[in-house]
Amino acid sequence: METAENKLDPVQSLHIITEAIAKTKENIKAHGFLFLLWGWLIAIASISFFILQAYTSFRWFFLPFPVLVLIGIILSVRHYAREGHQTETYMGYYLKKMWLVLGISFITVVVMNVIITQPPFTYTLLIGGIGTMVSGLVLRFRPLVVGGVLFLLFAVASVFTPDLYKPLLQGIAVVTGYLIPGYLLKHSKV
């Protein structure tokens, strides 16, 4: 019995290899959505917190954070559920798990700081800076690395900032660390 072998010419072989690489290559633009989502939510929550605390007598001035964070969690889960049918790269898997751990860290830090009646902004800026910088390094996207560095600088600055202005500082940090890099990522040619 003879076995039929598929003989590929060099052009066909190169085409198959190129297709395989294209299918597994990370689409870094897809990561921009979550930076934009969380950037807008946290910027709005931070600025609302500041305005409500500084200029009103509203006792629940902190309310924008839990409401918008809950919305962000729901939208993030929906985003990942929609991507479920796509092939996941190692890089995408790593970034998703890293941000899951950092998200749990955000919540833990906020709860701990609420218990000891301290504003959590210095620590949330630090966590955001670490995640953003690592994401930029892994994706090899310099604006995210710069955004992460800015977050870390804002974390240091928050130590010297009166508590009243820390949410405003965080709002500015999120615009420079998430939103600007997020829009650059969304519109990148990579």
N, C-alpha and C. Protein backbone atom coordinates (compact mmCIF):
# COMPACT_ATOMS: atom_id res chain seq x y z
N MET A 1 0.83 -1.18 0.00
CA MET A 1 0.00 0.00 0.00
C MET A 1 0.87 1.24 0.00
N GLU A 2 0.45 2.17 -0.76
CA GLU A 2 1.14 3.45 -0.81
C GLU A 2 0.40 4.47 0.03
N THR A 3 1.16 5.28 0.71
CA THR A 3 0.54 6.37 1.47
C THR A 3 0.67 7.65 0.68
N ALA A 4 -0.37 8.38 0.71
CA ALA A 4 -0.37 9.66 -0.02
C ALA A 4 0.24 10.73 0.87
N GLU A 5 1.25 11.36 0.39
CA GLU A 5 1.88 12.43 1.13
C GLU A 5 1.55 13.76 0.48
N ASN A 6 1.27 14.73 1.33
CA ASN A 6 1.07 16.08 0.80
C ASN A 6 2.43 16.73 0.69
N LYS A 7 2.82 17.00 -0.50
CA LYS A 7 4.10 17.67 -0.69
C LYS A 7 3.83 19.16 -0.89
N LEU A 8 4.48 19.92 -0.06
CA LEU A 8 4.30 21.36 -0.13
C LEU A 8 5.51 21.99 -0.78
N ASP A 9 5.24 22.93 -1.65
CA ASP A 9 6.37 23.66 -2.21
C ASP A 9 6.78 24.74 -1.21
N PRO A 10 7.92 25.33 -1.37
CA PRO A 10 8.41 26.33 -0.40
C PRO A 10 7.44 27.50 -0.17
N VAL A 11 6.74 27.93 -1.21
CA VAL A 11 5.80 29.05 -1.07
C VAL A 11 4.64 28.65 -0.17
N GLN A 12 4.11 27.44 -0.36
CA GLN A 12 3.01 26.97 0.47
C GLN A 12 3.47 26.80 1.92
N SER A 13 4.66 26.28 2.12
CA SER A 13 5.19 26.12 3.48
C SER A 13 5.32 27.47 4.17
N LEU A 14 5.87 28.45 3.46
CA LEU A 14 6.03 29.78 4.02
C LEU A 14 4.67 30.40 4.36
N HIS A 15 3.69 30.18 3.50
CA HIS A 15 2.33 30.70 3.73
C HIS A 15 1.73 30.09 5.00
N ILE A 16 1.88 28.80 5.21
CA ILE A 16 1.35 28.13 6.40
C ILE A 16 2.04 28.67 7.66
N ILE A 17 3.35 28.82 7.60
CA ILE A 17 4.10 29.34 8.75
C ILE A 17 3.66 30.78 9.05
N THR A 18 3.54 31.60 8.03
CA THR A 18 3.12 32.99 8.21
C THR A 18 1.73 33.08 8.81
N GLU A 19 0.83 32.23 8.36
CA GLU A 19 -0.53 32.20 8.92
C GLU A 19 -0.52 31.82 10.39
N ALA A 20 0.27 30.81 10.73
CA ALA A 20 0.36 30.36 12.13
C ALA A 20 0.89 31.48 13.02
N ILE A 21 1.90 32.19 12.55
CA ILE A 21 2.46 33.30 13.33
C ILE A 21 1.43 34.41 13.48
N ALA A 22 0.72 34.73 12.41
CA ALA A 22 -0.29 35.79 12.46
C ALA A 22 -1.41 35.46 13.43
N LYS A 23 -1.79 34.18 13.51
CA LYS A 23 -2.87 33.78 14.42
C LYS A 23 -2.45 33.88 15.88
N THR A 24 -1.18 33.66 16.16
CA THR A 24 -0.73 33.68 17.55
C THR A 24 -0.13 35.02 17.97
N LYS A 25 0.12 35.89 17.00
CA LYS A 25 0.70 37.19 17.34
C LYS A 25 -0.30 37.99 18.17
N GLU A 26 0.22 38.61 19.21
CA GLU A 26 -0.62 39.38 20.13
C GLU A 26 -1.12 40.65 19.45
N ASN A 27 -2.42 40.85 19.50
CA ASN A 27 -3.00 42.09 19.03
C ASN A 27 -3.03 43.05 20.23
N ILE A 28 -2.01 43.89 20.33
CA ILE A 28 -1.91 44.74 21.51
C ILE A 28 -3.01 45.80 21.55
N LYS A 29 -3.57 46.15 20.40
CA LYS A 29 -4.63 47.15 20.38
C LYS A 29 -5.84 46.69 21.20
N ALA A 30 -6.07 45.39 21.26
CA ALA A 30 -7.21 44.86 22.00
C ALA A 30 -7.11 45.16 23.49
N HIS A 31 -5.90 45.36 24.00
CA HIS A 31 -5.71 45.64 25.43
C HIS A 31 -6.11 47.08 25.78
N GLY A 32 -6.23 47.93 24.79
CA GLY A 32 -6.59 49.32 25.03
C GLY A 32 -7.97 49.51 25.63
N PHE A 33 -8.90 48.62 25.30
CA PHE A 33 -10.28 48.76 25.78
C PHE A 33 -10.34 48.84 27.30
N LEU A 34 -9.65 47.94 27.99
CA LEU A 34 -9.73 47.90 29.45
C LEU A 34 -9.04 49.10 30.10
N PHE A 35 -7.97 49.59 29.50
CA PHE A 35 -7.35 50.81 30.04
C PHE A 35 -8.30 51.99 29.89
N LEU A 36 -9.01 52.06 28.78
CA LEU A 36 -9.97 53.15 28.58
C LEU A 36 -11.17 53.00 29.52
N LEU A 37 -11.70 51.79 29.63
CA LEU A 37 -12.85 51.55 30.50
C LEU A 37 -12.52 51.96 31.93
N TRP A 38 -11.44 51.38 32.47
CA TRP A 38 -11.08 51.66 33.86
C TRP A 38 -10.57 53.08 34.04
N GLY A 39 -9.93 53.62 33.02
CA GLY A 39 -9.47 55.01 33.10
C GLY A 39 -10.63 55.97 33.26
N TRP A 40 -11.66 55.80 32.43
CA TRP A 40 -12.82 56.69 32.54
C TRP A 40 -13.56 56.48 33.86
N LEU A 41 -13.77 55.22 34.24
CA LEU A 41 -14.52 54.96 35.47
C LEU A 41 -13.81 55.52 36.71
N ILE A 42 -12.51 55.28 36.81
CA ILE A 42 -11.78 55.74 38.00
C ILE A 42 -11.58 57.25 37.97
N ALA A 43 -11.38 57.83 36.79
CA ALA A 43 -11.25 59.29 36.70
C ALA A 43 -12.56 59.95 37.14
N ILE A 44 -13.69 59.45 36.66
CA ILE A 44 -15.00 60.01 37.04
C ILE A 44 -15.25 59.81 38.53
N ALA A 45 -14.94 58.62 39.04
CA ALA A 45 -15.15 58.36 40.47
C ALA A 45 -14.27 59.26 41.32
N SER A 46 -13.01 59.43 40.93
CA SER A 46 -12.07 60.24 41.71
C SER A 46 -12.49 61.71 41.73
N ILE A 47 -12.82 62.24 40.58
CA ILE A 47 -13.20 63.66 40.50
C ILE A 47 -14.54 63.89 41.20
N SER A 48 -15.48 62.95 41.03
CA SER A 48 -16.78 63.06 41.73
C SER A 48 -16.58 63.02 43.24
N PHE A 49 -15.75 62.10 43.70
CA PHE A 49 -15.42 61.99 45.13
C PHE A 49 -14.90 63.33 45.64
N PHE A 50 -13.94 63.91 44.92
CA PHE A 50 -13.36 65.18 45.33
C PHE A 50 -14.42 66.28 45.39
N ILE A 51 -15.22 66.42 44.34
CA ILE A 51 -16.23 67.47 44.30
C ILE A 51 -17.26 67.29 45.41
N LEU A 52 -17.74 66.05 45.58
CA LEU A 52 -18.74 65.79 46.61
C LEU A 52 -18.19 66.05 48.01
N GLN A 53 -16.95 65.68 48.23
CA GLN A 53 -16.35 65.87 49.56
C GLN A 53 -16.00 67.33 49.82
N ALA A 54 -15.45 68.02 48.82
CA ALA A 54 -14.96 69.38 49.03
C ALA A 54 -16.05 70.45 48.95
N TYR A 55 -17.09 70.21 48.13
CA TYR A 55 -18.04 71.29 47.85
C TYR A 55 -19.48 71.00 48.22
N THR A 56 -19.75 69.85 48.84
CA THR A 56 -21.12 69.56 49.26
C THR A 56 -21.12 69.04 50.69
N SER A 57 -22.29 68.88 51.22
CA SER A 57 -22.41 68.30 52.56
C SER A 57 -22.89 66.84 52.47
N PHE A 58 -22.81 66.27 51.27
CA PHE A 58 -23.24 64.88 51.04
C PHE A 58 -22.36 63.94 51.86
N ARG A 59 -22.97 63.18 52.76
CA ARG A 59 -22.22 62.31 53.66
C ARG A 59 -21.61 61.11 52.95
N TRP A 60 -22.19 60.70 51.85
CA TRP A 60 -21.71 59.50 51.16
C TRP A 60 -20.90 59.89 49.92
N PHE A 61 -20.02 60.84 50.10
CA PHE A 61 -19.20 61.35 48.99
C PHE A 61 -18.35 60.27 48.34
N PHE A 62 -18.12 59.18 49.03
CA PHE A 62 -17.30 58.07 48.52
C PHE A 62 -18.08 57.16 47.56
N LEU A 63 -19.38 57.32 47.49
CA LEU A 63 -20.26 56.42 46.73
C LEU A 63 -19.89 56.22 45.26
N PRO A 64 -19.36 57.22 44.56
CA PRO A 64 -18.99 56.97 43.15
C PRO A 64 -18.04 55.79 42.97
N PHE A 65 -17.15 55.57 43.95
CA PHE A 65 -16.19 54.47 43.78
C PHE A 65 -16.84 53.09 43.77
N PRO A 66 -17.60 52.69 44.80
CA PRO A 66 -18.16 51.34 44.74
C PRO A 66 -19.12 51.14 43.56
N VAL A 67 -19.88 52.17 43.22
CA VAL A 67 -20.84 52.04 42.12
C VAL A 67 -20.09 51.86 40.79
N LEU A 68 -19.12 52.72 40.51
CA LEU A 68 -18.40 52.64 39.24
C LEU A 68 -17.47 51.44 39.17
N VAL A 69 -16.89 51.04 40.29
CA VAL A 69 -16.04 49.84 40.29
C VAL A 69 -16.89 48.60 40.01
N LEU A 70 -18.08 48.52 40.59
CA LEU A 70 -18.98 47.40 40.30
C LEU A 70 -19.34 47.36 38.81
N ILE A 71 -19.64 48.52 38.25
CA ILE A 71 -19.92 48.59 36.81
C ILE A 71 -18.70 48.13 36.01
N GLY A 72 -17.51 48.56 36.43
CA GLY A 72 -16.28 48.17 35.74
C GLY A 72 -16.03 46.67 35.80
N ILE A 73 -16.30 46.06 36.95
CA ILE A 73 -16.12 44.61 37.08
C ILE A 73 -17.07 43.88 36.14
N ILE A 74 -18.33 44.30 36.13
CA ILE A 74 -19.33 43.66 35.26
C ILE A 74 -18.93 43.80 33.79
N LEU A 75 -18.55 45.00 33.37
CA LEU A 75 -18.16 45.22 31.97
C LEU A 75 -16.88 44.47 31.61
N SER A 76 -15.94 44.36 32.55
CA SER A 76 -14.70 43.61 32.29
C SER A 76 -14.99 42.13 32.12
N VAL A 77 -15.84 41.58 32.98
CA VAL A 77 -16.21 40.16 32.87
C VAL A 77 -16.90 39.92 31.53
N ARG A 78 -17.82 40.80 31.15
CA ARG A 78 -18.50 40.66 29.84
C ARG A 78 -17.50 40.74 28.70
N HIS A 79 -16.53 41.64 28.81
CA HIS A 79 -15.50 41.79 27.77
C HIS A 79 -14.72 40.49 27.60
N TYR A 80 -14.29 39.91 28.71
CA TYR A 80 -13.53 38.66 28.63
C TYR A 80 -14.40 37.49 28.18
N ALA A 81 -15.68 37.50 28.54
CA ALA A 81 -16.58 36.44 28.11
C ALA A 81 -16.77 36.48 26.59
N ARG A 82 -16.86 37.66 26.04
CA ARG A 82 -17.01 37.79 24.57
C ARG A 82 -15.76 37.33 23.84
N GLU A 83 -14.61 37.50 24.46
CA GLU A 83 -13.35 37.08 23.84
C GLU A 83 -13.10 35.59 24.02
N GLY A 84 -13.95 34.89 24.75
CA GLY A 84 -13.74 33.49 25.09
C GLY A 84 -13.52 32.58 23.90
N HIS A 85 -14.10 32.90 22.75
CA HIS A 85 -13.99 32.04 21.58
C HIS A 85 -12.68 32.25 20.82
N GLN A 86 -11.95 33.30 21.14
CA GLN A 86 -10.69 33.59 20.45
C GLN A 86 -9.54 32.81 21.09
N THR A 87 -8.52 32.57 20.30
CA THR A 87 -7.32 31.93 20.82
C THR A 87 -6.62 32.89 21.76
N GLU A 88 -6.25 32.41 22.94
CA GLU A 88 -5.58 33.25 23.92
C GLU A 88 -4.09 32.99 23.86
N THR A 89 -3.32 34.06 23.77
CA THR A 89 -1.87 33.93 23.76
C THR A 89 -1.36 33.87 25.19
N TYR A 90 -0.11 33.47 25.34
CA TYR A 90 0.50 33.44 26.67
C TYR A 90 0.53 34.85 27.26
N MET A 91 0.83 35.83 26.41
CA MET A 91 0.90 37.20 26.88
C MET A 91 -0.47 37.67 27.38
N GLY A 92 -1.52 37.40 26.61
CA GLY A 92 -2.87 37.78 27.02
C GLY A 92 -3.29 37.08 28.30
N TYR A 93 -2.95 35.80 28.40
CA TYR A 93 -3.27 35.02 29.60
C TYR A 93 -2.56 35.62 30.81
N TYR A 94 -1.27 35.92 30.65
CA TYR A 94 -0.49 36.50 31.75
C TYR A 94 -1.07 37.83 32.20
N LEU A 95 -1.35 38.72 31.26
CA LEU A 95 -1.87 40.04 31.61
C LEU A 95 -3.23 39.95 32.29
N LYS A 96 -4.07 39.05 31.80
CA LYS A 96 -5.39 38.88 32.42
C LYS A 96 -5.25 38.42 33.87
N LYS A 97 -4.39 37.45 34.11
CA LYS A 97 -4.19 36.95 35.48
C LYS A 97 -3.52 37.99 36.37
N MET A 98 -2.55 38.73 35.81
CA MET A 98 -1.89 39.76 36.60
C MET A 98 -2.90 40.81 37.06
N TRP A 99 -3.76 41.28 36.14
CA TRP A 99 -4.74 42.31 36.51
C TRP A 99 -5.81 41.75 37.44
N LEU A 100 -6.10 40.47 37.35
CA LEU A 100 -7.04 39.85 38.31
C LEU A 100 -6.44 39.93 39.72
N VAL A 101 -5.18 39.56 39.86
CA VAL A 101 -4.51 39.62 41.16
C VAL A 101 -4.42 41.06 41.64
N LEU A 102 -4.08 41.98 40.75
CA LEU A 102 -3.99 43.39 41.14
C LEU A 102 -5.37 43.95 41.50
N GLY A 103 -6.42 43.49 40.81
CA GLY A 103 -7.78 43.91 41.16
C GLY A 103 -8.16 43.46 42.55
N ILE A 104 -7.81 42.23 42.89
CA ILE A 104 -8.06 41.73 44.25
C ILE A 104 -7.25 42.55 45.25
N SER A 105 -6.02 42.92 44.86
CA SER A 105 -5.17 43.75 45.73
C SER A 105 -5.78 45.14 45.93
N PHE A 106 -6.33 45.72 44.86
CA PHE A 106 -7.00 47.02 44.97
C PHE A 106 -8.11 46.95 46.03
N ILE A 107 -8.97 45.94 45.89
CA ILE A 107 -10.11 45.80 46.80
C ILE A 107 -9.62 45.58 48.23
N THR A 108 -8.61 44.73 48.40
CA THR A 108 -8.06 44.45 49.73
C THR A 108 -7.50 45.72 50.37
N VAL A 109 -6.73 46.49 49.60
CA VAL A 109 -6.14 47.73 50.11
C VAL A 109 -7.23 48.72 50.50
N VAL A 110 -8.25 48.85 49.68
CA VAL A 110 -9.33 49.78 49.99
C VAL A 110 -10.04 49.36 51.28
N VAL A 111 -10.37 48.09 51.41
CA VAL A 111 -11.06 47.60 52.62
C VAL A 111 -10.18 47.83 53.85
N MET A 112 -8.90 47.49 53.75
CA MET A 112 -7.99 47.68 54.88
C MET A 112 -7.91 49.15 55.28
N ASN A 113 -7.83 50.03 54.29
CA ASN A 113 -7.73 51.46 54.58
C ASN A 113 -9.02 52.03 55.13
N VAL A 114 -10.15 51.52 54.70
CA VAL A 114 -11.44 51.95 55.26
C VAL A 114 -11.50 51.54 56.74
N ILE A 115 -11.06 50.34 57.04
CA ILE A 115 -11.08 49.85 58.43
C ILE A 115 -10.21 50.74 59.33
N ILE A 116 -9.06 51.14 58.85
CA ILE A 116 -8.18 51.97 59.68
C ILE A 116 -8.40 53.48 59.44
N THR A 117 -9.45 53.80 58.71
CA THR A 117 -9.85 55.18 58.37
C THR A 117 -8.71 56.01 57.77
N GLN A 118 -8.06 55.43 56.78
CA GLN A 118 -7.03 56.13 56.02
C GLN A 118 -7.45 56.15 54.55
N PRO A 119 -7.18 57.22 53.83
CA PRO A 119 -7.47 57.21 52.39
C PRO A 119 -6.55 56.22 51.68
N PRO A 120 -7.08 55.43 50.76
CA PRO A 120 -6.28 54.38 50.11
C PRO A 120 -5.50 54.84 48.88
N PHE A 121 -5.57 56.12 48.54
CA PHE A 121 -5.09 56.58 47.24
C PHE A 121 -3.62 56.32 46.98
N THR A 122 -2.76 56.48 47.97
CA THR A 122 -1.33 56.23 47.76
C THR A 122 -1.10 54.79 47.31
N TYR A 123 -1.79 53.87 47.95
CA TYR A 123 -1.59 52.44 47.66
C TYR A 123 -2.26 52.03 46.35
N THR A 124 -3.42 52.59 46.06
CA THR A 124 -4.07 52.24 44.78
C THR A 124 -3.27 52.81 43.62
N LEU A 125 -2.66 53.98 43.80
CA LEU A 125 -1.79 54.53 42.76
C LEU A 125 -0.56 53.65 42.55
N LEU A 126 -0.02 53.14 43.64
CA LEU A 126 1.14 52.26 43.57
C LEU A 126 0.79 50.96 42.82
N ILE A 127 -0.33 50.36 43.17
CA ILE A 127 -0.76 49.11 42.51
C ILE A 127 -1.03 49.37 41.03
N GLY A 128 -1.73 50.47 40.74
CA GLY A 128 -2.00 50.81 39.34
C GLY A 128 -0.73 51.05 38.56
N GLY A 129 0.26 51.68 39.19
CA GLY A 129 1.53 51.93 38.53
C GLY A 129 2.27 50.65 38.20
N ILE A 130 2.27 49.72 39.13
CA ILE A 130 2.93 48.44 38.90
C ILE A 130 2.27 47.70 37.73
N GLY A 131 0.95 47.60 37.77
CA GLY A 131 0.23 46.89 36.69
C GLY A 131 0.41 47.55 35.34
N THR A 132 0.35 48.87 35.32
CA THR A 132 0.48 49.59 34.05
C THR A 132 1.89 49.48 33.49
N MET A 133 2.88 49.61 34.36
CA MET A 133 4.26 49.50 33.90
C MET A 133 4.57 48.09 33.40
N VAL A 134 4.15 47.08 34.15
CA VAL A 134 4.39 45.69 33.70
C VAL A 134 3.66 45.43 32.38
N SER A 135 2.42 45.91 32.25
CA SER A 135 1.69 45.75 30.99
C SER A 135 2.45 46.39 29.84
N GLY A 136 2.96 47.60 30.06
CA GLY A 136 3.72 48.28 29.01
C GLY A 136 4.99 47.54 28.65
N LEU A 137 5.68 46.98 29.65
CA LEU A 137 6.90 46.23 29.38
C LEU A 137 6.61 44.94 28.62
N VAL A 138 5.55 44.23 29.04
CA VAL A 138 5.20 42.97 28.39
C VAL A 138 4.72 43.21 26.95
N LEU A 139 3.90 44.24 26.77
CA LEU A 139 3.38 44.54 25.43
C LEU A 139 4.40 45.30 24.57
N ARG A 140 5.48 45.74 25.21
CA ARG A 140 6.50 46.55 24.53
C ARG A 140 5.87 47.81 23.95
N PHE A 141 5.07 48.47 24.81
CA PHE A 141 4.38 49.69 24.41
C PHE A 141 4.78 50.80 25.38
N ARG A 142 5.69 51.64 24.91
CA ARG A 142 6.33 52.66 25.75
C ARG A 142 5.34 53.60 26.45
N PRO A 143 4.24 54.05 25.82
CA PRO A 143 3.33 54.95 26.54
C PRO A 143 2.75 54.32 27.82
N LEU A 144 2.53 53.01 27.84
CA LEU A 144 2.07 52.36 29.08
C LEU A 144 3.17 52.33 30.13
N VAL A 145 4.41 52.14 29.71
CA VAL A 145 5.52 52.16 30.66
C VAL A 145 5.60 53.56 31.28
N VAL A 146 5.51 54.58 30.45
CA VAL A 146 5.54 55.96 30.95
C VAL A 146 4.34 56.20 31.87
N GLY A 147 3.16 55.69 31.48
CA GLY A 147 1.98 55.82 32.34
C GLY A 147 2.19 55.17 33.69
N GLY A 148 2.84 54.02 33.71
CA GLY A 148 3.14 53.34 34.97
C GLY A 148 4.09 54.15 35.83
N VAL A 149 5.11 54.72 35.21
CA VAL A 149 6.06 55.56 35.94
C VAL A 149 5.33 56.78 36.52
N LEU A 150 4.43 57.38 35.73
CA LEU A 150 3.67 58.53 36.23
C LEU A 150 2.82 58.14 37.43
N PHE A 151 2.17 56.97 37.35
CA PHE A 151 1.40 56.49 38.50
C PHE A 151 2.28 56.41 39.75
N LEU A 152 3.48 55.86 39.61
CA LEU A 152 4.38 55.72 40.75
C LEU A 152 4.80 57.09 41.28
N LEU A 153 5.05 58.04 40.39
CA LEU A 153 5.39 59.40 40.82
C LEU A 153 4.21 60.06 41.53
N PHE A 154 3.00 59.84 41.03
CA PHE A 154 1.82 60.38 41.70
C PHE A 154 1.62 59.71 43.07
N ALA A 155 1.97 58.44 43.19
CA ALA A 155 1.88 57.75 44.49
C ALA A 155 2.82 58.43 45.50
N VAL A 156 4.02 58.73 45.06
CA VAL A 156 4.97 59.42 45.94
C VAL A 156 4.44 60.81 46.27
N ALA A 157 3.93 61.53 45.28
CA ALA A 157 3.41 62.88 45.51
C ALA A 157 2.22 62.85 46.48
N SER A 158 1.45 61.78 46.45
CA SER A 158 0.27 61.70 47.32
C SER A 158 0.64 61.66 48.81
N VAL A 159 1.84 61.19 49.10
CA VAL A 159 2.30 61.17 50.49
C VAL A 159 2.40 62.60 51.03
N PHE A 160 2.69 63.55 50.15
CA PHE A 160 2.86 64.95 50.54
C PHE A 160 1.63 65.81 50.23
N THR A 161 0.54 65.17 49.81
CA THR A 161 -0.68 65.87 49.42
C THR A 161 -1.71 65.77 50.54
N PRO A 162 -2.37 66.88 50.89
CA PRO A 162 -3.44 66.79 51.89
C PRO A 162 -4.53 65.80 51.45
N ASP A 163 -5.11 65.10 52.42
CA ASP A 163 -6.10 64.06 52.13
C ASP A 163 -7.23 64.55 51.22
N LEU A 164 -7.67 65.79 51.41
CA LEU A 164 -8.76 66.34 50.61
C LEU A 164 -8.46 66.28 49.11
N TYR A 165 -7.19 66.48 48.74
CA TYR A 165 -6.82 66.57 47.32
C TYR A 165 -6.32 65.25 46.72
N LYS A 166 -6.22 64.21 47.53
CA LYS A 166 -5.73 62.92 47.01
C LYS A 166 -6.63 62.32 45.93
N PRO A 167 -7.97 62.39 46.07
CA PRO A 167 -8.79 61.85 44.97
C PRO A 167 -8.60 62.64 43.68
N LEU A 168 -8.40 63.94 43.77
CA LEU A 168 -8.16 64.75 42.58
C LEU A 168 -6.83 64.35 41.95
N LEU A 169 -5.83 64.13 42.77
CA LEU A 169 -4.52 63.67 42.30
C LEU A 169 -4.66 62.33 41.58
N GLN A 170 -5.46 61.43 42.17
CA GLN A 170 -5.68 60.13 41.52
C GLN A 170 -6.39 60.30 40.18
N GLY A 171 -7.35 61.21 40.11
CA GLY A 171 -8.03 61.45 38.84
C GLY A 171 -7.06 61.91 37.76
N ILE A 172 -6.14 62.79 38.12
CA ILE A 172 -5.13 63.25 37.17
C ILE A 172 -4.20 62.10 36.79
N ALA A 173 -3.82 61.30 37.77
CA ALA A 173 -2.94 60.15 37.51
C ALA A 173 -3.58 59.17 36.53
N VAL A 174 -4.86 58.93 36.70
CA VAL A 174 -5.56 57.97 35.84
C VAL A 174 -5.67 58.51 34.40
N VAL A 175 -5.87 59.81 34.27
CA VAL A 175 -5.91 60.40 32.92
C VAL A 175 -4.56 60.23 32.23
N THR A 176 -3.47 60.50 32.96
CA THR A 176 -2.15 60.41 32.35
C THR A 176 -1.62 58.97 32.27
N GLY A 177 -2.07 58.10 33.18
CA GLY A 177 -1.54 56.74 33.24
C GLY A 177 -2.36 55.70 32.51
N TYR A 178 -3.69 55.90 32.43
CA TYR A 178 -4.57 54.93 31.76
C TYR A 178 -5.14 55.49 30.46
N LEU A 179 -5.74 56.69 30.54
CA LEU A 179 -6.49 57.19 29.39
C LEU A 179 -5.60 57.58 28.21
N ILE A 180 -4.60 58.39 28.45
CA ILE A 180 -3.73 58.79 27.33
C ILE A 180 -3.05 57.57 26.70
N PRO A 181 -2.38 56.70 27.50
CA PRO A 181 -1.81 55.49 26.88
C PRO A 181 -2.88 54.59 26.26
N GLY A 182 -4.06 54.52 26.87
CA GLY A 182 -5.14 53.68 26.32
C GLY A 182 -5.57 54.13 24.95
N TYR A 183 -5.71 55.45 24.76
CA TYR A 183 -6.08 55.96 23.43
C TYR A 183 -4.93 55.78 22.43
N LEU A 184 -3.70 55.97 22.89
CA LEU A 184 -2.56 55.73 22.00
C LEU A 184 -2.50 54.26 21.59
N LEU A 185 -2.80 53.37 22.52
CA LEU A 185 -2.81 51.93 22.24
C LEU A 185 -3.93 51.59 21.25
N LYS A 186 -5.10 52.16 21.49
CA LYS A 186 -6.25 51.90 20.61
C LYS A 186 -5.96 52.33 19.17
N HIS A 187 -5.24 53.43 19.02
CA HIS A 187 -4.98 53.97 17.67
C HIS A 187 -3.58 53.65 17.16
N SER A 188 -2.89 52.72 17.83
CA SER A 188 -1.53 52.37 17.40
C SER A 188 -1.58 51.59 16.09
N LYS A 189 -0.49 51.63 15.38
CA LYS A 189 -0.40 50.93 14.09
C LYS A 189 0.21 49.54 14.26
N VAL A 190 0.40 49.12 15.50
CA VAL A 190 1.02 47.80 15.77
C VAL A 190 -0.01 46.71 15.56
